[in-house]
Protein backbone atom coordinates (compact mmCIF):
# COMPACT_ATOMS: atom_id res chain seq x y z
CA MET A 1 0.00 0.00 0.00
CA ARG A 2 2.72 2.50 0.96
CA ILE A 3 4.72 1.66 -2.13
CA ALA A 4 1.72 2.36 -4.36
CA VAL A 5 1.28 5.76 -2.70
CA LEU A 6 4.98 6.53 -3.17
CA VAL A 7 4.84 5.50 -6.83
CA ARG A 8 1.81 7.74 -7.42
CA PHE A 9 3.53 10.62 -5.59
CA ALA A 10 6.75 10.13 -7.57
CA GLY A 11 4.73 9.87 -10.78
CA ARG A 12 3.01 13.19 -10.08
CA LYS A 13 6.38 14.84 -9.35
CA VAL A 14 7.89 13.49 -12.58
CA LYS A 15 4.81 14.58 -14.56
CA ARG A 16 5.01 18.08 -13.01
CA PHE A 17 8.73 18.27 -13.82
CA ILE A 18 8.09 17.25 -17.45
CA ALA A 19 5.17 19.70 -17.73
CA ASP A 20 7.33 22.54 -16.39
CA LEU A 21 10.14 21.61 -18.77
CA VAL A 22 7.77 21.49 -21.75
CA GLY A 23 6.27 24.84 -20.67
CA ASN A 24 9.71 26.45 -20.60
CA ILE A 25 10.55 24.99 -24.01
CA ILE A 26 7.25 26.29 -25.42
CA ALA A 27 7.89 29.73 -23.92
CA LEU A 28 11.40 29.92 -25.41
CA PHE A 29 10.25 28.63 -28.79
CA VAL A 30 7.28 31.01 -29.06
CA ARG A 31 9.33 33.99 -27.94
CA PHE A 32 12.07 33.09 -30.45
CA LEU A 33 9.55 32.52 -33.25
CA THR A 34 7.46 35.65 -32.67
CA ALA A 35 9.89 38.02 -30.91
CA ALA A 36 6.92 38.98 -28.74
CA ARG A 37 7.53 41.24 -25.77
CA VAL A 38 5.46 43.02 -23.16
CA ASN A 39 5.19 46.76 -22.62
CA TRP A 40 4.33 47.11 -18.93
CA VAL A 41 2.61 50.50 -19.21
CA GLY A 42 1.41 51.86 -15.87
CA ILE A 43 1.98 48.52 -14.16
CA GLU A 44 4.99 46.49 -13.11
CA PRO A 45 5.51 42.72 -13.55
CA ILE A 46 5.36 41.95 -9.84
CA GLN A 47 3.98 38.90 -8.02
CA ARG A 48 0.40 40.02 -7.81
CA GLN A 49 -2.82 38.33 -8.77
CA ARG A 50 -4.29 39.64 -12.00
CA VAL A 51 -6.85 38.93 -14.69
CA TYR A 52 -5.39 39.39 -18.15
CA PHE A 53 -7.97 39.74 -20.91
CA ALA A 54 -7.80 40.13 -24.65
CA ASN A 55 -9.69 39.48 -27.87
CA HIS A 56 -9.49 35.96 -29.21
CA THR A 57 -8.27 35.37 -32.76
CA SER A 58 -6.60 31.94 -32.54
CA ASN A 59 -5.80 29.08 -30.19
CA ALA A 60 -2.31 30.55 -29.90
CA ASP A 61 -3.57 33.73 -28.20
CA PHE A 62 -3.26 32.61 -24.61
CA VAL A 63 -0.02 30.77 -25.38
CA LEU A 64 1.51 34.01 -26.63
CA ILE A 65 0.29 35.99 -23.61
CA TRP A 66 1.41 33.23 -21.23
CA THR A 67 4.89 32.95 -22.75
CA VAL A 68 5.74 36.66 -22.51
CA LEU A 69 5.08 36.75 -18.78
CA PRO A 70 8.11 36.48 -16.52
CA ALA A 71 8.60 32.87 -15.31
CA ALA A 72 7.37 33.63 -11.77
CA LEU A 73 4.14 35.16 -13.08
CA ARG A 74 3.72 32.46 -15.73
CA ALA A 75 3.86 29.79 -13.01
CA ARG A 76 0.82 31.37 -11.32
CA THR A 77 -1.15 32.32 -14.44
CA ARG A 78 -3.77 30.01 -15.91
CA PRO A 79 -5.65 30.50 -19.16
CA VAL A 80 -9.39 29.91 -19.30
CA ALA A 81 -9.98 27.72 -22.34
CA ALA A 82 -12.47 25.44 -24.06
CA SER A 83 -12.30 21.86 -22.82
CA ASP A 84 -13.62 20.44 -26.11
CA TYR A 85 -10.51 21.78 -27.87
CA TRP A 86 -7.90 21.02 -25.21
CA LEU A 87 -9.16 17.53 -24.35
CA LYS A 88 -9.41 16.38 -27.99
CA SER A 89 -6.18 14.34 -27.84
CA LYS A 90 -3.72 13.11 -25.21
CA VAL A 91 -1.09 15.61 -26.31
CA ARG A 92 -3.51 18.57 -26.12
CA ALA A 93 -4.86 17.32 -22.79
CA PHE A 94 -1.33 17.14 -21.37
CA ALA A 95 -0.60 20.65 -22.66
CA GLY A 96 -3.90 22.12 -21.45
CA ARG A 97 -4.11 20.42 -18.06
CA ASP A 98 -0.48 19.98 -17.07
CA VAL A 99 1.67 22.46 -18.98
CA PHE A 100 -0.65 25.48 -19.00
CA ARG A 101 -2.84 24.31 -16.05
CA ALA A 102 -5.80 25.78 -17.93
CA VAL A 103 -9.21 26.25 -16.36
CA LEU A 104 -11.02 24.07 -18.87
CA ILE A 105 -14.59 25.16 -19.56
CA ASP A 106 -17.21 23.03 -21.30
CA ARG A 107 -18.85 25.37 -23.82
CA ASN A 108 -22.02 23.27 -23.95
CA PRO A 109 -24.37 24.29 -21.09
CA GLU A 110 -26.19 20.93 -21.26
CA THR A 111 -23.07 18.85 -20.59
CA ARG A 112 -21.23 21.34 -18.40
CA PRO A 113 -20.26 19.70 -15.08
CA ALA A 114 -19.62 23.02 -13.30
CA ASP A 115 -20.46 26.70 -13.61
CA PRO A 116 -17.63 28.48 -15.51
CA VAL A 117 -17.73 31.53 -13.23
CA GLU A 118 -17.42 29.26 -10.18
CA MET A 119 -14.47 27.48 -11.80
CA MET A 120 -12.71 30.80 -12.42
CA THR A 121 -13.56 32.05 -8.92
CA LYS A 122 -12.07 28.86 -7.45
CA ALA A 123 -8.87 29.34 -9.45
CA LEU A 124 -8.66 32.95 -8.25
CA ALA A 125 -9.29 31.85 -4.64
CA GLU A 126 -6.38 29.41 -5.00
CA GLY A 127 -4.13 32.37 -5.88
CA SER A 128 -3.96 31.97 -9.66
CA SER A 129 -4.06 34.80 -12.13
CA LEU A 130 -6.21 34.20 -15.20
CA ILE A 131 -6.02 34.85 -18.93
CA ILE A 132 -9.53 35.23 -20.33
CA PHE A 133 -11.12 36.11 -23.64
CA PRO A 134 -14.46 37.82 -22.93
CA GLU A 135 -15.17 38.07 -26.66
CA GLY A 136 -16.11 34.43 -26.29
CA LYS A 137 -14.69 32.84 -29.41
CA ARG A 138 -12.63 33.54 -32.45
CA ASN A 139 -14.32 35.56 -35.10
CA SER A 140 -14.37 33.87 -38.49
CA GLY A 141 -16.72 36.39 -40.06
CA PRO A 142 -16.14 39.75 -41.72
CA ASP A 143 -16.37 41.76 -38.48
CA LYS A 144 -13.04 42.41 -36.79
CA LEU A 145 -14.34 41.88 -33.26
CA LEU A 146 -17.29 40.18 -31.69
CA GLU A 147 -19.05 41.74 -28.72
CA PHE A 148 -17.58 41.12 -25.29
CA LYS A 149 -19.60 38.64 -23.24
CA THR A 150 -21.07 39.89 -19.98
CA GLY A 151 -19.14 37.35 -17.90
CA LEU A 152 -16.15 39.63 -17.39
CA TYR A 153 -18.35 42.43 -16.07
CA LEU A 154 -20.53 40.12 -13.98
CA GLY A 155 -17.55 38.28 -12.53
CA PHE A 156 -15.94 41.48 -11.31
CA CYS A 157 -19.23 42.91 -10.03
CA LEU A 158 -19.97 39.76 -8.04
CA ASN A 159 -16.51 39.83 -6.50
CA GLU A 160 -17.00 43.45 -5.46
CA LEU A 161 -20.10 42.62 -3.40
């Protein structure tokens, strides 16, 4: 019994180590490929909980935002992403769950096991910062931007009460 517990514990540690290593490789690769950088205007990159939000144009959006954060901030920052995309294969599931530690949201209200706002609130209560896309989804139509969803506003209003 104790050996099984130790094996599971060691397995989790190895998996975490591999996920962190893969995350660092992804961050270096994306920064090299895109030469992306952050302009910290009116704010400093300090250890502080934040909600980063942007418009959504591709599945690489949160990866790009995540990779330009300093390592200490990146370790505490979790993207909010669609579970149907990130759980589609074992590789994506490993990346979404373990590398990025994404808050995975089921976009189908009928099959959704938990309320998305509660899932984000829980992640915030645990000390994580979040990357969210209140636009809701990528726009594949002629309009440049879709309307922001009310969740961003409602989430902040509820937390202010």
